Amino acid sequence: MSTGSNRILDEFAKLMTDAAGAAQGVRREVETAFRGQAEKILNSMDIVQREEFEAMRDMAVKAREENAKLAARIDELEQKLVEYGGKDTKSASTTARAKK
């Protein structure tokens, strides 16, 4: 009698294990389908991907740093020009930069 009971429990355990495996497979399928649909919706909304955003942010930071270096270089050259007896271009260039 106990072998019959063990056999039923073994079959039930096997059935539950198979059901759990099937549920995991279904979960993976649903996740894949959901991810695909979400990606499709986001692409249709023209939303920028994180990689593209990070690349553009890095480019903007680099451009700002370069602009700051160039502005410092211009100020240095204008100062040298004034020192060598040229006219005071600093006030003119500052005004021109402020207008932009």
C-alpha atoms as a PDB file:
ATOM      1  CA  MET A   1       0.000   0.000   0.000  1.00  0.00           C
ATOM      2  CA  SER A   2       2.805   2.418   0.775  1.00  0.00           C
ATOM      3  CA  THR A   3       4.396   1.873  -2.647  1.00  0.00           C
ATOM      4  CA  GLY A   4       1.142   2.867  -4.301  1.00  0.00           C
ATOM      5  CA  SER A   5       0.954   5.990  -2.190  1.00  0.00           C
ATOM      6  CA  ASN A   6       4.616   6.855  -2.922  1.00  0.00           C
ATOM      7  CA  ARG A   7       4.010   6.319  -6.616  1.00  0.00           C
ATOM      8  CA  ILE A   8       1.045   8.704  -6.564  1.00  0.00           C
ATOM      9  CA  LEU A   9       3.083  11.292  -4.671  1.00  0.00           C
ATOM     10  CA  ASP A  10       6.014  10.820  -7.091  1.00  0.00           C
ATOM     11  CA  GLU A  11       3.701  11.319 -10.062  1.00  0.00           C
ATOM     12  CA  PHE A  12       2.163  14.364  -8.407  1.00  0.00           C
ATOM     13  CA  ALA A  13       5.645  15.818  -7.682  1.00  0.00           C
ATOM     14  CA  LYS A  14       6.678  15.199 -11.288  1.00  0.00           C
ATOM     15  CA  LEU A  15       3.502  16.871 -12.515  1.00  0.00           C
ATOM     16  CA  MET A  16       4.138  19.895 -10.291  1.00  0.00           C
ATOM     17  CA  THR A  17       7.777  20.124 -11.466  1.00  0.00           C
ATOM     18  CA  ASP A  18       6.644  20.014 -15.087  1.00  0.00           C
ATOM     19  CA  ALA A  19       4.003  22.662 -14.384  1.00  0.00           C
ATOM     20  CA  ALA A  20       6.590  24.923 -12.737  1.00  0.00           C
ATOM     21  CA  GLY A  21       8.901  24.505 -15.739  1.00  0.00           C
ATOM     22  CA  ALA A  22       6.039  25.288 -18.115  1.00  0.00           C
ATOM     23  CA  ALA A  23       5.120  28.366 -16.050  1.00  0.00           C
ATOM     24  CA  GLN A  24       8.709  29.624 -16.269  1.00  0.00           C
ATOM     25  CA  GLY A  25       8.666  29.103 -20.034  1.00  0.00           C
ATOM     26  CA  VAL A  26       5.415  31.027 -20.328  1.00  0.00           C
ATOM     27  CA  ARG A  27       6.857  33.812 -18.163  1.00  0.00           C
ATOM     28  CA  ARG A  28       9.906  34.092 -20.437  1.00  0.00           C
ATOM     29  CA  GLU A  29       7.662  34.180 -23.511  1.00  0.00           C
ATOM     30  CA  VAL A  30       5.466  36.903 -21.994  1.00  0.00           C
ATOM     31  CA  GLU A  31       8.531  38.957 -20.987  1.00  0.00           C
ATOM     32  CA  THR A  32       9.974  38.645 -24.491  1.00  0.00           C
ATOM     33  CA  ALA A  33       6.675  39.643 -26.105  1.00  0.00           C
ATOM     34  CA  PHE A  34       6.209  42.551 -23.697  1.00  0.00           C
ATOM     35  CA  ARG A  35       9.761  43.774 -24.234  1.00  0.00           C
ATOM     36  CA  GLY A  36       9.280  43.605 -28.000  1.00  0.00           C
ATOM     37  CA  GLN A  37       6.031  45.572 -27.843  1.00  0.00           C
ATOM     38  CA  ALA A  38       7.500  48.153 -25.459  1.00  0.00           C
ATOM     39  CA  GLU A  39      10.495  48.614 -27.760  1.00  0.00           C
ATOM     40  CA  LYS A  40       8.173  49.004 -30.756  1.00  0.00           C
ATOM     41  CA  ILE A  41       6.091  51.638 -28.949  1.00  0.00           C
ATOM     42  CA  LEU A  42       9.153  53.556 -27.754  1.00  0.00           C
ATOM     43  CA  ASN A  43      10.673  53.515 -31.246  1.00  0.00           C
ATOM     44  CA  SER A  44       7.458  54.894 -32.721  1.00  0.00           C
ATOM     45  CA  MET A  45       7.567  57.735 -30.173  1.00  0.00           C
ATOM     46  CA  ASP A  46      11.058  58.822 -31.307  1.00  0.00           C
ATOM     47  CA  ILE A  47      12.473  58.487 -27.806  1.00  0.00           C
ATOM     48  CA  VAL A  48      16.254  58.618 -27.645  1.00  0.00           C
ATOM     49  CA  GLN A  49      18.032  55.498 -26.467  1.00  0.00           C
ATOM     50  CA  ARG A  50      20.274  55.804 -23.444  1.00  0.00           C
ATOM     51  CA  GLU A  51      23.447  55.054 -25.431  1.00  0.00           C
ATOM     52  CA  GLU A  52      22.684  57.847 -27.899  1.00  0.00           C
ATOM     53  CA  PHE A  53      21.888  60.249 -25.063  1.00  0.00           C
ATOM     54  CA  GLU A  54      25.135  59.439 -23.245  1.00  0.00           C
ATOM     55  CA  ALA A  55      27.147  59.920 -26.464  1.00  0.00           C
ATOM     56  CA  MET A  56      25.543  63.312 -27.146  1.00  0.00           C
ATOM     57  CA  ARG A  57      26.035  64.389 -23.527  1.00  0.00           C
ATOM     58  CA  ASP A  58      29.729  63.495 -23.744  1.00  0.00           C
ATOM     59  CA  MET A  59      30.035  65.471 -26.979  1.00  0.00           C
ATOM     60  CA  ALA A  60      28.326  68.497 -25.377  1.00  0.00           C
ATOM     61  CA  VAL A  61      30.633  68.371 -22.351  1.00  0.00           C
ATOM     62  CA  LYS A  62      33.661  68.178 -24.625  1.00  0.00           C
ATOM     63  CA  ALA A  63      32.369  71.092 -26.735  1.00  0.00           C
ATOM     64  CA  ARG A  64      31.802  73.231 -23.619  1.00  0.00           C
ATOM     65  CA  GLU A  65      35.308  72.509 -22.388  1.00  0.00           C
ATOM     66  CA  GLU A  66      36.745  73.406 -25.790  1.00  0.00           C
ATOM     67  CA  ASN A  67      34.685  76.629 -25.893  1.00  0.00           C
ATOM     68  CA  ALA A  68      35.997  77.614 -22.469  1.00  0.00           C
ATOM     69  CA  LYS A  69      39.591  76.958 -23.604  1.00  0.00           C
ATOM     70  CA  LEU A  70      39.062  78.973 -26.776  1.00  0.00           C
ATOM     71  CA  ALA A  71      37.488  81.866 -24.860  1.00  0.00           C
ATOM     72  CA  ALA A  72      40.464  81.888 -22.480  1.00  0.00           C
ATOM     73  CA  ARG A  73      42.833  81.812 -25.447  1.00  0.00           C
ATOM     74  CA  ILE A  74      41.015  84.737 -27.091  1.00  0.00           C
ATOM     75  CA  ASP A  75      41.179  86.726 -23.863  1.00  0.00           C
ATOM     76  CA  GLU A  76      44.912  85.970 -23.607  1.00  0.00           C
ATOM     77  CA  LEU A  77      45.559  87.042 -27.202  1.00  0.00           C
ATOM     78  CA  GLU A  78      43.516  90.216 -26.759  1.00  0.00           C
ATOM     79  CA  GLN A  79      45.479  91.052 -23.628  1.00  0.00           C
ATOM     80  CA  LYS A  80      48.749  90.569 -25.519  1.00  0.00           C
ATOM     81  CA  LEU A  81      47.440  92.790 -28.304  1.00  0.00           C
ATOM     82  CA  VAL A  82      46.647  95.543 -25.797  1.00  0.00           C
ATOM     83  CA  GLU A  83      50.083  95.128 -24.195  1.00  0.00           C
ATOM     84  CA  TYR A  84      51.804  95.576 -27.576  1.00  0.00           C
ATOM     85  CA  GLY A  85      50.053  98.864 -28.153  1.00  0.00           C
ATOM     86  CA  GLY A  86      46.991  97.731 -30.085  1.00  0.00           C
ATOM     87  CA  LYS A  87      43.584  99.144 -29.438  1.00  0.00           C
ATOM     88  CA  ASP A  88      41.453  97.797 -26.602  1.00  0.00           C
ATOM     89  CA  THR A  89      39.555  94.966 -28.315  1.00  0.00           C
ATOM     90  CA  LYS A  90      38.513  93.359 -25.064  1.00  0.00           C
ATOM     91  CA  SER A  91      35.525  95.637 -24.540  1.00  0.00           C
ATOM     92  CA  ALA A  92      34.463  95.205 -28.173  1.00  0.00           C
ATOM     93  CA  SER A  93      34.761  91.415 -28.081  1.00  0.00           C
ATOM     94  CA  THR A  94      32.987  91.210 -24.731  1.00  0.00           C
ATOM     95  CA  THR A  95      30.137  93.253 -26.163  1.00  0.00           C
ATOM     96  CA  ALA A  96      30.044  91.066 -29.268  1.00  0.00           C
ATOM     97  CA  ARG A  97      29.953  87.887 -27.139  1.00  0.00           C
ATOM     98  CA  ALA A  98      27.213  89.314 -24.937  1.00  0.00           C
ATOM     99  CA  LYS A  99      25.051  90.000 -28.015  1.00  0.00           C
ATOM    100  CA  LYS A 100      25.256  86.345 -29.064  1.00  0.00           C
END
